[in-house]
């Protein structure tokens, strides 16, 4: 099942970012891109949208995972300007 593989790669990426491990970040990004290219036509449109936009935290949440990716500086849907 590609979703499980994608979720695993996203968790690996999340872990690598937290550890500031450049080699692991590169490897996990490569895995994500390969999985996306291979399974693009069978993925749910929302998941595809997140992955194509490199919204990896959203993709991981969509797949039922938890993410510690950096939170946005402004609330969702807002630019933070008053």
PDB file of N, CA and C in Angstrom:
ATOM      1  N   UNK A   1       0.852  -1.180   0.000  1.00  0.00           N
ATOM      2  CA  UNK A   1       0.000   0.000   0.000  1.00  0.00           C
ATOM      3  C   UNK A   1       0.897   1.243   0.000  1.00  0.00           C
ATOM      4  N   UNK A   2       0.770   2.096  -1.023  1.00  0.00           N
ATOM      5  CA  UNK A   2       1.658   3.258  -1.111  1.00  0.00           C
ATOM      6  C   UNK A   2       1.479   4.255   0.024  1.00  0.00           C
ATOM      7  N   UNK A   3       0.258   4.383   0.556  1.00  0.00           N
ATOM      8  CA  UNK A   3       0.039   5.347   1.636  1.00  0.00           C
ATOM      9  C   UNK A   3       0.895   5.015   2.857  1.00  0.00           C
ATOM     10  N   UNK A   4       1.022   3.744   3.173  1.00  0.00           N
ATOM     11  CA  UNK A   4       1.841   3.330   4.320  1.00  0.00           C
ATOM     12  C   UNK A   4       3.315   3.651   4.070  1.00  0.00           C
ATOM     13  N   UNK A   5       3.772   3.443   2.847  1.00  0.00           N
ATOM     14  CA  UNK A   5       5.160   3.755   2.499  1.00  0.00           C
ATOM     15  C   UNK A   5       5.412   5.258   2.550  1.00  0.00           C
ATOM     16  N   UNK A   6       4.441   6.023   2.068  1.00  0.00           N
ATOM     17  CA  UNK A   6       4.562   7.481   2.090  1.00  0.00           C
ATOM     18  C   UNK A   6       4.574   7.975   3.533  1.00  0.00           C
ATOM     19  N   UNK A   7       3.688   7.436   4.349  1.00  0.00           N
ATOM     20  CA  UNK A   7       3.651   7.825   5.762  1.00  0.00           C
ATOM     21  C   UNK A   7       4.988   7.532   6.433  1.00  0.00           C
ATOM     22  N   UNK A   8       5.551   6.360   6.164  1.00  0.00           N
ATOM     23  CA  UNK A   8       6.849   5.996   6.740  1.00  0.00           C
ATOM     24  C   UNK A   8       7.939   6.974   6.300  1.00  0.00           C
ATOM     25  N   UNK A   9       7.949   7.333   5.021  1.00  0.00           N
ATOM     26  CA  UNK A   9       8.943   8.279   4.513  1.00  0.00           C
ATOM     27  C   UNK A   9       8.756   9.661   5.141  1.00  0.00           C
ATOM     28  N   UNK A  10       7.516  10.080   5.352  1.00  0.00           N
ATOM     29  CA  UNK A  10       7.243  11.367   5.987  1.00  0.00           C
ATOM     30  C   UNK A  10       7.699  11.373   7.444  1.00  0.00           C
ATOM     31  N   UNK A  11       7.490  10.273   8.149  1.00  0.00           N
ATOM     32  CA  UNK A  11       7.959  10.161   9.535  1.00  0.00           C
ATOM     33  C   UNK A  11       9.486  10.218   9.560  1.00  0.00           C
ATOM     34  N   UNK A  12      10.135   9.527   8.615  1.00  0.00           N
ATOM     35  CA  UNK A  12      11.595   9.576   8.527  1.00  0.00           C
ATOM     36  C   UNK A  12      12.069  11.012   8.283  1.00  0.00           C
ATOM     37  N   UNK A  13      11.371  11.722   7.401  1.00  0.00           N
ATOM     38  CA  UNK A  13      11.725  13.108   7.116  1.00  0.00           C
ATOM     39  C   UNK A  13      11.570  13.975   8.360  1.00  0.00           C
ATOM     40  N   UNK A  14      10.460  13.815   9.060  1.00  0.00           N
ATOM     41  CA  UNK A  14      10.197  14.567  10.283  1.00  0.00           C
ATOM     42  C   UNK A  14      11.307  14.333  11.304  1.00  0.00           C
ATOM     43  N   UNK A  15      11.683  13.087  11.476  1.00  0.00           N
ATOM     44  CA  UNK A  15      12.741  12.721  12.424  1.00  0.00           C
ATOM     45  C   UNK A  15      14.077  13.333  11.994  1.00  0.00           C
ATOM     46  N   UNK A  16      14.369  13.277  10.706  1.00  0.00           N
ATOM     47  CA  UNK A  16      15.625  13.824  10.193  1.00  0.00           C
ATOM     48  C   UNK A  16      15.696  15.333  10.385  1.00  0.00           C
ATOM     49  N   UNK A  17      14.565  16.019  10.176  1.00  0.00           N
ATOM     50  CA  UNK A  17      14.536  17.475  10.362  1.00  0.00           C
ATOM     51  C   UNK A  17      14.805  17.814  11.824  1.00  0.00           C
ATOM     52  N   UNK A  18      14.149  17.084  12.731  1.00  0.00           N
ATOM     53  CA  UNK A  18      14.357  17.339  14.164  1.00  0.00           C
ATOM     54  C   UNK A  18      15.804  17.119  14.562  1.00  0.00           C
ATOM     55  N   UNK A  19      16.462  16.155  13.922  1.00  0.00           N
ATOM     56  CA  UNK A  19      17.856  15.835  14.246  1.00  0.00           C
ATOM     57  C   UNK A  19      18.838  16.699  13.454  1.00  0.00           C
ATOM     58  N   UNK A  20      18.330  17.533  12.559  1.00  0.00           N
ATOM     59  CA  UNK A  20      19.161  18.361  11.691  1.00  0.00           C
ATOM     60  C   UNK A  20      20.185  17.511  10.942  1.00  0.00           C
ATOM     61  N   UNK A  21      19.731  16.350  10.450  1.00  0.00           N
ATOM     62  CA  UNK A  21      20.579  15.391   9.738  1.00  0.00           C
ATOM     63  C   UNK A  21      20.376  15.575   8.238  1.00  0.00           C
ATOM     64  N   UNK A  22      21.257  16.348   7.623  1.00  0.00           N
ATOM     65  CA  UNK A  22      21.129  16.691   6.214  1.00  0.00           C
ATOM     66  C   UNK A  22      21.089  15.495   5.284  1.00  0.00           C
ATOM     67  N   UNK A  23      21.895  14.500   5.563  1.00  0.00           N
ATOM     68  CA  UNK A  23      21.926  13.306   4.710  1.00  0.00           C
ATOM     69  C   UNK A  23      20.599  12.558   4.803  1.00  0.00           C
ATOM     70  N   UNK A  24      20.085  12.411   6.011  1.00  0.00           N
ATOM     71  CA  UNK A  24      18.804  11.721   6.201  1.00  0.00           C
ATOM     72  C   UNK A  24      17.654  12.529   5.603  1.00  0.00           C
ATOM     73  N   UNK A  25      17.721  13.848   5.695  1.00  0.00           N
ATOM     74  CA  UNK A  25      16.693  14.706   5.093  1.00  0.00           C
ATOM     75  C   UNK A  25      16.675  14.481   3.588  1.00  0.00           C
ATOM     76  N   UNK A  26      17.840  14.512   2.973  1.00  0.00           N
ATOM     77  CA  UNK A  26      17.946  14.316   1.534  1.00  0.00           C
ATOM     78  C   UNK A  26      17.419  12.944   1.121  1.00  0.00           C
ATOM     79  N   UNK A  27      17.789  11.920   1.865  1.00  0.00           N
ATOM     80  CA  UNK A  27      17.344  10.571   1.547  1.00  0.00           C
ATOM     81  C   UNK A  27      15.845  10.406   1.666  1.00  0.00           C
ATOM     82  N   UNK A  28      15.271  10.972   2.713  1.00  0.00           N
ATOM     83  CA  UNK A  28      13.824  10.834   2.902  1.00  0.00           C
ATOM     84  C   UNK A  28      13.058  11.656   1.859  1.00  0.00           C
ATOM     85  N   UNK A  29      13.571  12.814   1.494  1.00  0.00           N
ATOM     86  CA  UNK A  29      12.925  13.602   0.440  1.00  0.00           C
ATOM     87  C   UNK A  29      12.956  12.857  -0.890  1.00  0.00           C
ATOM     88  N   UNK A  30      14.085  12.223  -1.167  1.00  0.00           N
ATOM     89  CA  UNK A  30      14.202  11.435  -2.388  1.00  0.00           C
ATOM     90  C   UNK A  30      13.192  10.291  -2.396  1.00  0.00           C
ATOM     91  N   UNK A  31      13.028   9.640  -1.244  1.00  0.00           N
ATOM     92  CA  UNK A  31      12.066   8.542  -1.133  1.00  0.00           C
ATOM     93  C   UNK A  31      10.640   9.051  -1.350  1.00  0.00           C
ATOM     94  N   UNK A  32      10.317  10.199  -0.754  1.00  0.00           N
ATOM     95  CA  UNK A  32       8.982  10.783  -0.916  1.00  0.00           C
ATOM     96  C   UNK A  32       8.714  11.097  -2.386  1.00  0.00           C
ATOM     97  N   UNK A  33       9.675  11.718  -3.046  1.00  0.00           N
ATOM     98  CA  UNK A  33       9.504  12.088  -4.453  1.00  0.00           C
ATOM     99  C   UNK A  33       9.363  10.852  -5.345  1.00  0.00           C
ATOM    100  N   UNK A  34      10.120   9.810  -5.057  1.00  0.00           N
ATOM    101  CA  UNK A  34      10.017   8.569  -5.830  1.00  0.00           C
ATOM    102  C   UNK A  34       8.643   7.928  -5.650  1.00  0.00           C
ATOM    103  N   UNK A  35       8.184   7.865  -4.404  1.00  0.00           N
ATOM    104  CA  UNK A  35       6.870   7.293  -4.137  1.00  0.00           C
ATOM    105  C   UNK A  35       5.770   8.107  -4.810  1.00  0.00           C
ATOM    106  N   UNK A  36       5.905   9.430  -4.783  1.00  0.00           N
ATOM    107  CA  UNK A  36       4.923  10.298  -5.435  1.00  0.00           C
ATOM    108  C   UNK A  36       4.895  10.036  -6.937  1.00  0.00           C
ATOM    109  N   UNK A  37       6.049   9.964  -7.556  1.00  0.00           N
ATOM    110  CA  UNK A  37       6.123   9.732  -8.999  1.00  0.00           C
ATOM    111  C   UNK A  37       5.560   8.360  -9.377  1.00  0.00           C
ATOM    112  N   UNK A  38       5.833   7.374  -8.551  1.00  0.00           N
ATOM    113  CA  UNK A  38       5.399   6.008  -8.841  1.00  0.00           C
ATOM    114  C   UNK A  38       3.893   5.823  -8.671  1.00  0.00           C
ATOM    115  N   UNK A  39       3.319   6.478  -7.658  1.00  0.00           N
ATOM    116  CA  UNK A  39       1.928   6.214  -7.298  1.00  0.00           C
ATOM    117  C   UNK A  39       0.987   7.400  -7.536  1.00  0.00           C
ATOM    118  N   UNK A  40       1.450   8.380  -8.258  1.00  0.00           N
ATOM    119  CA  UNK A  40       0.683   9.612  -8.479  1.00  0.00           C
ATOM    120  C   UNK A  40      -0.765   9.346  -8.917  1.00  0.00           C
ATOM    121  N   UNK A  41      -0.960   8.423  -9.828  1.00  0.00           N
ATOM    122  CA  UNK A  41      -2.297   8.208 -10.397  1.00  0.00           C
ATOM    123  C   UNK A  41      -3.252   7.472  -9.458  1.00  0.00           C
ATOM    124  N   UNK A  42      -2.730   6.864  -8.398  1.00  0.00           N
ATOM    125  CA  UNK A  42      -3.605   6.100  -7.500  1.00  0.00           C
ATOM    126  C   UNK A  42      -3.833   6.782  -6.152  1.00  0.00           C
ATOM    127  N   UNK A  43      -3.171   7.905  -5.921  1.00  0.00           N
ATOM    128  CA  UNK A  43      -3.303   8.591  -4.635  1.00  0.00           C
ATOM    129  C   UNK A  43      -4.567   9.438  -4.585  1.00  0.00           C
ATOM    130  N   UNK A  44      -5.108   9.567  -3.393  1.00  0.00           N
ATOM    131  CA  UNK A  44      -6.272  10.442  -3.179  1.00  0.00           C
ATOM    132  C   UNK A  44      -5.877  11.862  -3.593  1.00  0.00           C
ATOM    133  N   UNK A  45      -6.770  12.594  -4.265  1.00  0.00           N
ATOM    134  CA  UNK A  45      -6.437  13.944  -4.736  1.00  0.00           C
ATOM    135  C   UNK A  45      -5.946  14.888  -3.627  1.00  0.00           C
ATOM    136  N   UNK A  46      -6.488  14.774  -2.425  1.00  0.00           N
ATOM    137  CA  UNK A  46      -6.057  15.659  -1.336  1.00  0.00           C
ATOM    138  C   UNK A  46      -4.624  15.347  -0.925  1.00  0.00           C
ATOM    139  N   UNK A  47      -4.301  14.062  -0.808  1.00  0.00           N
ATOM    140  CA  UNK A  47      -2.928  13.667  -0.472  1.00  0.00           C
ATOM    141  C   UNK A  47      -1.976  14.096  -1.573  1.00  0.00           C
ATOM    142  N   UNK A  48      -2.375  13.903  -2.809  1.00  0.00           N
ATOM    143  CA  UNK A  48      -1.556  14.326  -3.946  1.00  0.00           C
ATOM    144  C   UNK A  48      -1.296  15.830  -3.888  1.00  0.00           C
ATOM    145  N   UNK A  49      -2.322  16.597  -3.578  1.00  0.00           N
ATOM    146  CA  UNK A  49      -2.183  18.052  -3.459  1.00  0.00           C
ATOM    147  C   UNK A  49      -1.143  18.419  -2.395  1.00  0.00           C
ATOM    148  N   UNK A  50      -1.229  17.778  -1.226  1.00  0.00           N
ATOM    149  CA  UNK A  50      -0.278  18.072  -0.161  1.00  0.00           C
ATOM    150  C   UNK A  50       1.147  17.714  -0.570  1.00  0.00           C
ATOM    151  N   UNK A  51       1.318  16.554  -1.174  1.00  0.00           N
ATOM    152  CA  UNK A  51       2.663  16.119  -1.549  1.00  0.00           C
ATOM    153  C   UNK A  51       3.248  16.974  -2.665  1.00  0.00           C
ATOM    154  N   UNK A  52       2.439  17.310  -3.656  1.00  0.00           N
ATOM    155  CA  UNK A  52       2.927  18.154  -4.741  1.00  0.00           C
ATOM    156  C   UNK A  52       3.305  19.537  -4.239  1.00  0.00           C
ATOM    157  N   UNK A  53       2.578  20.030  -3.244  1.00  0.00           N
ATOM    158  CA  UNK A  53       2.872  21.343  -2.670  1.00  0.00           C
ATOM    159  C   UNK A  53       3.921  21.287  -1.568  1.00  0.00           C
ATOM    160  N   UNK A  54       4.457  20.098  -1.343  1.00  0.00           N
ATOM    161  CA  UNK A  54       5.460  19.856  -0.294  1.00  0.00           C
ATOM    162  C   UNK A  54       4.949  20.276   1.094  1.00  0.00           C
ATOM    163  N   UNK A  55       3.654  20.099   1.284  1.00  0.00           N
ATOM    164  CA  UNK A  55       3.046  20.327   2.593  1.00  0.00           C
ATOM    165  C   UNK A  55       3.103  19.005   3.355  1.00  0.00           C
ATOM    166  N   UNK A  56       4.319  18.644   3.749  1.00  0.00           N
ATOM    167  CA  UNK A  56       4.540  17.328   4.314  1.00  0.00           C
ATOM    168  C   UNK A  56       3.869  17.140   5.666  1.00  0.00           C
ATOM    169  N   UNK A  57       3.773  18.182   6.461  1.00  0.00           N
ATOM    170  CA  UNK A  57       3.082  18.069   7.751  1.00  0.00           C
ATOM    171  C   UNK A  57       1.603  17.761   7.513  1.00  0.00           C
ATOM    172  N   UNK A  58       0.999  18.438   6.562  1.00  0.00           N
ATOM    173  CA  UNK A  58      -0.404  18.193   6.242  1.00  0.00           C
ATOM    174  C   UNK A  58      -0.593  16.793   5.677  1.00  0.00           C
ATOM    175  N   UNK A  59       0.331  16.359   4.836  1.00  0.00           N
ATOM    176  CA  UNK A  59       0.242  15.009   4.271  1.00  0.00           C
ATOM    177  C   UNK A  59       0.335  13.971   5.375  1.00  0.00           C
ATOM    178  N   UNK A  60       1.236  14.177   6.320  1.00  0.00           N
ATOM    179  CA  UNK A  60       1.380  13.227   7.423  1.00  0.00           C
ATOM    180  C   UNK A  60       0.132  13.215   8.292  1.00  0.00           C
ATOM    181  N   UNK A  61      -0.421  14.370   8.572  1.00  0.00           N
ATOM    182  CA  UNK A  61      -1.657  14.435   9.344  1.00  0.00           C
ATOM    183  C   UNK A  61      -2.804  13.762   8.593  1.00  0.00           C
ATOM    184  N   UNK A  62      -2.861  13.970   7.286  1.00  0.00           N
ATOM    185  CA  UNK A  62      -3.884  13.336   6.464  1.00  0.00           C
ATOM    186  C   UNK A  62      -3.798  11.808   6.570  1.00  0.00           C
ATOM    187  N   UNK A  63      -2.583  11.299   6.647  1.00  0.00           N
ATOM    188  CA  UNK A  63      -2.362   9.852   6.721  1.00  0.00           C
ATOM    189  C   UNK A  63      -2.496   9.312   8.141  1.00  0.00           C
ATOM    190  N   UNK A  64      -2.868  10.179   9.064  1.00  0.00           N
ATOM    191  CA  UNK A  64      -3.113   9.719  10.426  1.00  0.00           C
ATOM    192  C   UNK A  64      -1.900   9.763  11.326  1.00  0.00           C
ATOM    193  N   UNK A  65      -0.857  10.435  10.888  1.00  0.00           N
ATOM    194  CA  UNK A  65       0.344  10.550  11.710  1.00  0.00           C
ATOM    195  C   UNK A  65       0.374  11.852  12.473  1.00  0.00           C
ATOM    196  N   UNK A  66       1.319  11.937  13.355  1.00  0.00           N
ATOM    197  CA  UNK A  66       1.543  13.180  14.103  1.00  0.00           C
ATOM    198  C   UNK A  66       2.811  13.809  13.579  1.00  0.00           C
ATOM    199  N   UNK A  67       2.846  15.117  13.604  1.00  0.00           N
ATOM    200  CA  UNK A  67       4.011  15.827  13.089  1.00  0.00           C
ATOM    201  C   UNK A  67       4.465  16.886  14.068  1.00  0.00           C
ATOM    202  N   UNK A  68       5.742  17.033  14.144  1.00  0.00           N
ATOM    203  CA  UNK A  68       6.342  18.099  14.933  1.00  0.00           C
ATOM    204  C   UNK A  68       7.009  19.117  14.016  1.00  0.00           C
ATOM    205  N   UNK A  69       6.599  19.116  12.733  1.00  0.00           N
ATOM    206  CA  UNK A  69       7.143  20.088  11.805  1.00  0.00           C
ATOM    207  C   UNK A  69       6.903  21.485  12.359  1.00  0.00           C
ATOM    208  N   UNK A  70       7.716  22.414  11.964  1.00  0.00           N
ATOM    209  CA  UNK A  70       7.587  23.783  12.423  1.00  0.00           C
ATOM    210  C   UNK A  70       6.195  24.311  12.111  1.00  0.00           C
ATOM    211  N   UNK A  71       5.603  24.920  13.096  1.00  0.00           N
ATOM    212  CA  UNK A  71       4.269  25.477  12.924  1.00  0.00           C
ATOM    213  C   UNK A  71       4.380  26.801  12.158  1.00  0.00           C
ATOM    214  N   UNK A  72       3.349  27.119  11.356  1.00  0.00           N
ATOM    215  CA  UNK A  72       3.397  28.364  10.596  1.00  0.00           C
ATOM    216  C   UNK A  72       3.397  29.579  11.519  1.00  0.00           C
ATOM    217  N   UNK A  73       3.966  30.672  11.029  1.00  0.00           N
ATOM    218  CA  UNK A  73       4.045  31.894  11.807  1.00  0.00           C
ATOM    219  C   UNK A  73       2.721  32.620  11.933  1.00  0.00           C
ATOM    220  N   UNK A  74       1.773  32.291  11.089  1.00  0.00           N
ATOM    221  CA  UNK A  74       0.462  32.921  11.160  1.00  0.00           C
ATOM    222  C   UNK A  74      -0.609  31.830  11.213  1.00  0.00           C
ATOM    223  N   UNK A  75      -1.785  32.184  11.662  1.00  0.00           N
ATOM    224  CA  UNK A  75      -2.844  31.176  11.732  1.00  0.00           C
ATOM    225  C   UNK A  75      -3.222  30.676  10.352  1.00  0.00           C
ATOM    226  N   UNK A  76      -3.711  29.444  10.254  1.00  0.00           N
ATOM    227  CA  UNK A  76      -4.130  28.917   8.955  1.00  0.00           C
ATOM    228  C   UNK A  76      -5.152  29.841   8.306  1.00  0.00           C
ATOM    229  N   UNK A  77      -4.910  30.139   7.033  1.00  0.00           N
ATOM    230  CA  UNK A  77      -5.839  30.990   6.302  1.00  0.00           C
ATOM    231  C   UNK A  77      -5.590  32.477   6.479  1.00  0.00           C
ATOM    232  N   UNK A  78      -4.639  32.833   7.329  1.00  0.00           N
ATOM    233  CA  UNK A  78      -4.360  34.249   7.561  1.00  0.00           C
ATOM    234  C   UNK A  78      -2.904  34.580   7.271  1.00  0.00           C
ATOM    235  N   UNK A  79      -2.672  35.801   6.914  1.00  0.00           N
ATOM    236  CA  UNK A  79      -1.313  36.201   6.601  1.00  0.00           C
ATOM    237  C   UNK A  79      -0.620  36.799   7.812  1.00  0.00           C
ATOM    238  N   UNK A  80      -1.358  36.998   8.888  1.00  0.00           N
ATOM    239  CA  UNK A  80      -0.756  37.535  10.105  1.00  0.00           C
ATOM    240  C   UNK A  80      -0.701  39.051  10.148  1.00  0.00           C
ATOM    241  N   UNK A  81      -1.100  39.705   9.059  1.00  0.00           N
ATOM    242  CA  UNK A  81      -1.118  41.164   9.038  1.00  0.00           C
ATOM    243  C   UNK A  81      -2.412  41.669   9.649  1.00  0.00           C
ATOM    244  N   UNK A  82      -2.337  42.759  10.340  1.00  0.00           N
ATOM    245  CA  UNK A  82      -3.538  43.312  10.985  1.00  0.00           C
ATOM    246  C   UNK A  82      -4.020  44.520  10.268  1.00  0.00           C
TER     247      UNK A  82
END
